[in-house]
Amino acid sequence: MRALLRGLAVLEVLALGQDLNLSEVARRARLPVSTAHRLLETLRRRGFVQPVEDGRYRIGLRAFEVGMGFLRAQRLPEVARPVMVELVDRVEETANLAVRDGAEAVYVLQVESHRMLRLFAQPGARHPLYCTGVGKVLLAWEPEEEVRRLLGAGPLPRFTPRTLTDPDAVVRELRAVRARGYAVDREERESGVRCVAAPVRDASGRVVAALSVSAPASRLPHHRIPPVAGTVVSAAEEISRRLGFSTTRISPPPAGNI
């Protein structure tokens, strides 16, 4: 506990926005220089602290990402709900919002359609990433190394005759998702159910959620998928905009991405 409190004190000092050398960090955090050095090295390895010229340190990108987690947790459902209501009115099918937790997609919000026959996903429900529309979106913008680590050697569990069980086939599918900007679940998780999903981005441009429309396959035939996908992509872009995303802020994807 003591080490944690001291590490947080170092982060709080650097969070003020000034580049500081080791002795300045130690003095402002009221720590021995040797202790401050050990803490800075640990924080540097985890990305919370970044060394700069002349032996100085500044707050690292990982600290920003953790801070963004608070904003996402507070704002995502609130921001997404009105857009999802409008989406349901337009396509007359159920809309879902999901986030990634490890190798699973977790549904955090659903707006049901008004049709008698409609699909329902309990908030908190979990599904594999590789065979769901939202899951494919949450994987498609991740580095291939991370994707293959999550998928393992295979074969993956089969849920329907259409489930992709070969990790190489999943990776190829994710490349197609990234290229067209949306994912399709072609009855891969549940027979008779199709889904179209698109990425939701935060202010930094990172994919933080997936927005989807799900429907019985009879109401979402293949010829209807492209126009529905366009509507879902537009809705996801609107949620992203309300979260602070702008296309001018996004940087090129790192090498090795799907």
Protein backbone atom coordinates (compact mmCIF):
# COMPACT_ATOMS: atom_id res chain seq x y z
CA MET A 1 0.00 0.00 0.00
CA ARG A 2 2.85 2.36 0.83
CA ALA A 3 4.50 1.81 -2.55
CA LEU A 4 1.18 2.38 -4.31
CA LEU A 5 0.61 5.67 -2.50
CA ARG A 6 4.13 6.81 -3.34
CA GLY A 7 3.68 5.87 -7.00
CA LEU A 8 0.45 7.84 -7.13
CA ALA A 9 2.22 10.81 -5.56
CA VAL A 10 4.78 10.73 -8.39
CA LEU A 11 2.01 10.62 -11.00
CA GLU A 12 0.20 13.52 -9.32
CA VAL A 13 3.38 15.59 -9.42
CA LEU A 14 3.96 14.91 -13.11
CA ALA A 15 0.28 15.37 -13.94
CA LEU A 16 0.69 19.10 -13.28
CA GLY A 17 2.18 19.23 -16.77
CA GLN A 18 5.78 20.21 -16.09
CA ASP A 19 8.82 18.15 -17.16
CA LEU A 20 10.86 17.38 -14.05
CA ASN A 21 14.20 15.75 -13.34
CA LEU A 22 14.71 13.06 -10.71
CA SER A 23 15.60 15.40 -7.85
CA GLU A 24 12.64 17.67 -8.60
CA VAL A 25 10.23 14.72 -8.64
CA ALA A 26 11.67 13.47 -5.34
CA ARG A 27 11.41 16.88 -3.70
CA ARG A 28 7.86 17.62 -4.84
CA ALA A 29 6.61 14.12 -3.98
CA ARG A 30 8.51 14.27 -0.66
CA LEU A 31 10.40 11.07 -1.36
CA PRO A 32 14.02 9.96 -1.08
CA VAL A 33 15.81 10.23 -4.41
CA SER A 34 16.50 6.48 -4.53
CA THR A 35 12.80 5.71 -3.94
CA ALA A 36 11.70 8.22 -6.56
CA HIS A 37 14.09 6.65 -9.07
CA ARG A 38 12.72 3.13 -8.50
CA LEU A 39 9.15 4.34 -8.84
CA LEU A 40 9.89 6.31 -12.01
CA GLU A 41 11.52 3.27 -13.61
CA THR A 42 8.53 1.07 -12.75
CA LEU A 43 6.09 3.66 -14.08
CA ARG A 44 8.22 4.11 -17.21
CA ARG A 45 8.11 0.39 -17.98
CA ARG A 46 4.31 0.44 -17.73
CA GLY A 47 3.99 3.54 -19.90
CA PHE A 48 2.69 5.85 -17.16
CA VAL A 49 5.86 7.99 -17.28
CA GLN A 50 7.86 9.06 -20.32
CA PRO A 51 11.54 10.11 -20.19
CA VAL A 52 12.45 13.21 -22.17
CA GLU A 53 15.65 15.11 -22.89
CA ASP A 54 18.13 16.18 -20.16
CA GLY A 55 17.07 13.38 -17.81
CA ARG A 56 13.61 14.79 -17.25
CA TYR A 57 10.28 12.95 -17.03
CA ARG A 58 6.74 13.72 -18.05
CA ILE A 59 3.37 11.99 -17.71
CA GLY A 60 3.01 9.06 -20.12
CA LEU A 61 0.37 7.99 -22.61
CA ARG A 62 -0.83 5.11 -20.43
CA ALA A 63 -1.91 7.60 -17.76
CA PHE A 64 -4.02 9.36 -20.39
CA GLU A 65 -5.58 6.07 -21.46
CA VAL A 66 -6.51 5.19 -17.89
CA GLY A 67 -8.01 8.65 -17.39
CA MET A 68 -10.02 8.24 -20.58
CA GLY A 69 -11.46 5.07 -19.07
CA PHE A 70 -13.24 7.18 -16.47
CA LEU A 71 -14.76 9.41 -19.12
CA ARG A 72 -15.85 6.44 -21.19
CA ALA A 73 -17.43 4.76 -18.20
CA GLN A 74 -19.35 7.89 -17.33
CA ARG A 75 -20.39 9.05 -20.79
CA LEU A 76 -20.64 6.16 -23.22
CA PRO A 77 -24.15 4.84 -22.43
CA GLU A 78 -25.48 8.34 -21.84
CA VAL A 79 -24.12 9.60 -25.16
CA ALA A 80 -25.06 6.49 -27.13
CA ARG A 81 -28.68 6.02 -26.04
CA PRO A 82 -30.37 8.86 -28.02
CA VAL A 83 -28.44 7.91 -31.15
CA MET A 84 -29.44 4.27 -30.69
CA VAL A 85 -33.11 5.23 -30.27
CA GLU A 86 -32.96 7.09 -33.58
CA LEU A 87 -31.17 4.13 -35.19
CA VAL A 88 -33.91 1.73 -34.07
CA ASP A 89 -36.56 4.06 -35.48
CA ARG A 90 -34.76 4.10 -38.84
CA VAL A 91 -34.05 0.39 -39.30
CA GLU A 92 -36.87 -1.00 -37.11
CA GLU A 93 -34.51 -3.53 -35.51
CA THR A 94 -32.83 -3.87 -32.11
CA ALA A 95 -29.62 -1.89 -31.48
CA ASN A 96 -26.84 -3.01 -29.14
CA LEU A 97 -23.72 -1.44 -27.67
CA ALA A 98 -20.85 -3.63 -26.51
CA VAL A 99 -17.34 -3.21 -25.13
CA ARG A 100 -14.44 -5.62 -24.96
CA ASP A 101 -13.37 -7.47 -21.83
CA GLY A 102 -10.50 -9.80 -22.67
CA ALA A 103 -11.67 -12.35 -25.23
CA GLU A 104 -15.35 -11.46 -24.85
CA ALA A 105 -17.76 -8.76 -25.94
CA VAL A 106 -19.89 -7.45 -23.07
CA TYR A 107 -23.23 -5.86 -23.90
CA VAL A 108 -23.67 -2.62 -21.96
CA LEU A 109 -26.77 -1.12 -23.57
CA GLN A 110 -29.67 -2.23 -25.75
CA VAL A 111 -32.55 -0.38 -27.37
CA GLU A 112 -35.23 -2.83 -28.48
CA SER A 113 -37.23 -2.56 -31.66
CA HIS A 114 -41.01 -2.24 -31.52
CA ARG A 115 -41.63 -5.39 -33.54
CA MET A 116 -43.44 -8.34 -32.03
CA LEU A 117 -40.51 -10.64 -32.82
CA ARG A 118 -37.33 -9.00 -31.58
CA LEU A 119 -33.96 -10.02 -30.22
CA PHE A 120 -32.88 -9.39 -26.66
CA ALA A 121 -29.42 -9.30 -25.08
CA GLN A 122 -29.32 -8.78 -21.34
CA PRO A 123 -26.91 -5.96 -20.37
CA GLY A 124 -23.86 -7.69 -18.96
CA ALA A 125 -24.26 -10.68 -21.29
CA ARG A 126 -20.99 -11.94 -22.75
CA HIS A 127 -20.24 -13.49 -26.12
CA PRO A 128 -17.02 -14.56 -27.86
CA LEU A 129 -15.35 -11.93 -29.98
CA TYR A 130 -14.57 -14.05 -33.04
CA CYS A 131 -18.13 -15.04 -33.95
CA THR A 132 -20.21 -11.93 -33.22
CA GLY A 133 -20.56 -8.69 -35.15
CA VAL A 134 -19.66 -6.51 -32.18
CA GLY A 135 -16.80 -8.82 -31.29
CA LYS A 136 -15.28 -8.68 -34.75
CA VAL A 137 -15.36 -4.87 -34.62
CA LEU A 138 -13.66 -4.87 -31.21
CA LEU A 139 -10.91 -7.15 -32.57
CA ALA A 140 -10.44 -5.72 -36.07
CA TRP A 141 -8.45 -2.64 -35.03
CA GLU A 142 -6.20 -4.53 -32.60
CA PRO A 143 -2.63 -5.58 -33.49
CA GLU A 144 -2.51 -9.00 -35.16
CA GLU A 145 -0.20 -10.30 -32.43
CA GLU A 146 -2.85 -9.53 -29.81
CA VAL A 147 -5.59 -11.06 -31.96
CA ARG A 148 -3.67 -14.30 -32.45
CA ARG A 149 -2.87 -14.48 -28.75
CA LEU A 150 -6.57 -14.24 -27.94
CA LEU A 151 -7.60 -16.78 -30.57
CA GLY A 152 -4.95 -19.34 -29.71
CA ALA A 153 -3.99 -22.24 -31.94
CA GLY A 154 -7.57 -23.34 -32.60
CA PRO A 155 -9.83 -24.83 -33.57
CA LEU A 156 -12.22 -22.40 -31.94
CA PRO A 157 -15.53 -23.56 -30.45
CA ARG A 158 -18.27 -23.98 -33.04
CA PHE A 159 -21.74 -22.59 -32.27
CA THR A 160 -23.42 -23.02 -35.65
CA PRO A 161 -22.46 -24.51 -39.02
CA ARG A 162 -21.36 -21.01 -40.07
CA THR A 163 -18.96 -20.34 -37.17
CA LEU A 164 -15.37 -19.64 -38.23
CA THR A 165 -13.24 -22.01 -36.16
CA ASP A 166 -9.86 -21.57 -37.89
CA PRO A 167 -7.88 -18.62 -36.41
CA ASP A 168 -6.40 -17.86 -39.84
CA ALA A 169 -9.90 -17.56 -41.30
CA VAL A 170 -10.89 -15.24 -38.44
CA VAL A 171 -7.86 -13.03 -39.10
CA ARG A 172 -8.79 -12.81 -42.79
CA GLU A 173 -12.34 -11.88 -41.80
CA LEU A 174 -11.05 -9.15 -39.49
CA ARG A 175 -8.97 -7.67 -42.31
CA ALA A 176 -12.14 -7.48 -44.40
CA VAL A 177 -13.97 -5.82 -41.49
CA ARG A 178 -11.25 -3.19 -41.22
CA ALA A 179 -11.26 -2.56 -44.97
CA ARG A 180 -15.02 -1.99 -45.27
CA GLY A 181 -15.53 -0.34 -41.88
CA TYR A 182 -18.17 -2.68 -40.47
CA ALA A 183 -18.64 -6.32 -39.45
CA VAL A 184 -21.32 -8.87 -40.24
CA ASP A 185 -22.35 -11.85 -38.12
CA ARG A 186 -23.74 -14.29 -40.67
CA GLU A 187 -25.56 -16.60 -38.24
CA GLU A 188 -22.19 -17.49 -36.70
CA ARG A 189 -23.18 -17.25 -33.05
CA GLU A 190 -26.83 -18.25 -33.32
CA SER A 191 -28.62 -19.83 -36.27
CA GLY A 192 -31.30 -17.58 -37.72
CA VAL A 193 -29.78 -14.36 -36.35
CA ARG A 194 -27.74 -11.82 -38.32
CA CYS A 195 -25.96 -8.73 -37.04
CA VAL A 196 -24.22 -5.69 -38.53
CA ALA A 197 -21.78 -3.75 -36.33
CA ALA A 198 -19.56 -0.66 -36.59
CA PRO A 199 -16.81 0.88 -34.42
CA VAL A 200 -17.31 3.64 -31.88
CA ARG A 201 -14.20 5.73 -31.16
CA ASP A 202 -13.22 7.98 -28.29
CA ALA A 203 -11.53 11.39 -28.56
CA SER A 204 -8.13 9.77 -29.17
CA GLY A 205 -9.48 7.72 -32.11
CA ARG A 206 -9.27 4.38 -30.32
CA VAL A 207 -12.11 1.89 -30.84
CA VAL A 208 -13.80 1.69 -27.44
CA ALA A 209 -17.14 0.09 -28.30
CA ALA A 210 -19.14 -1.53 -31.06
CA LEU A 211 -22.61 -0.50 -32.15
CA SER A 212 -24.76 -3.14 -33.82
CA VAL A 213 -28.15 -3.91 -35.24
CA SER A 214 -29.37 -7.49 -34.86
CA ALA A 215 -32.38 -9.12 -36.47
CA PRO A 216 -33.82 -12.46 -37.52
CA ALA A 217 -32.13 -13.57 -40.73
CA SER A 218 -35.49 -13.44 -42.51
CA ARG A 219 -35.66 -9.68 -41.88
CA LEU A 220 -32.00 -9.04 -42.66
CA PRO A 221 -31.42 -10.82 -45.99
CA HIS A 222 -28.09 -10.41 -47.74
CA HIS A 223 -29.29 -7.64 -50.07
CA ARG A 224 -30.38 -5.53 -47.07
CA ILE A 225 -27.04 -5.74 -45.26
CA PRO A 226 -25.18 -2.93 -47.14
CA PRO A 227 -27.86 -0.23 -46.62
CA VAL A 228 -28.36 -1.24 -42.98
CA ALA A 229 -24.59 -1.21 -42.51
CA GLY A 230 -24.42 2.33 -43.87
CA THR A 231 -27.00 3.44 -41.33
CA VAL A 232 -25.19 1.69 -38.47
CA VAL A 233 -21.84 3.20 -39.49
CA SER A 234 -23.38 6.68 -39.57
CA ALA A 235 -24.88 6.17 -36.10
CA ALA A 236 -21.55 4.90 -34.74
CA GLU A 237 -19.78 7.92 -36.23
CA GLU A 238 -22.30 10.22 -34.54
CA ILE A 239 -21.68 8.59 -31.14
CA SER A 240 -17.93 8.92 -31.77
CA ARG A 241 -18.36 12.60 -32.61
CA ARG A 242 -20.27 13.18 -29.37
CA LEU A 243 -17.43 11.47 -27.50
CA GLY A 244 -15.03 14.01 -28.95
CA PHE A 245 -13.66 12.08 -31.94
CA SER A 246 -12.60 13.97 -35.02
CA THR A 247 -11.07 12.40 -38.13
CA THR A 248 -8.39 15.09 -38.02
CA ARG A 249 -7.12 13.70 -34.70
CA ILE A 250 -6.60 10.10 -35.70
CA SER A 251 -3.06 8.99 -36.41
CA PRO A 252 -2.01 6.20 -38.79
CA PRO A 253 -2.50 2.71 -37.33
CA PRO A 254 0.62 1.07 -35.90
CA ALA A 255 2.40 -1.53 -38.00
CA GLY A 256 1.18 -5.05 -37.45
CA ASN A 257 -2.50 -4.23 -37.12
CA ILE A 258 -5.06 -6.54 -38.71
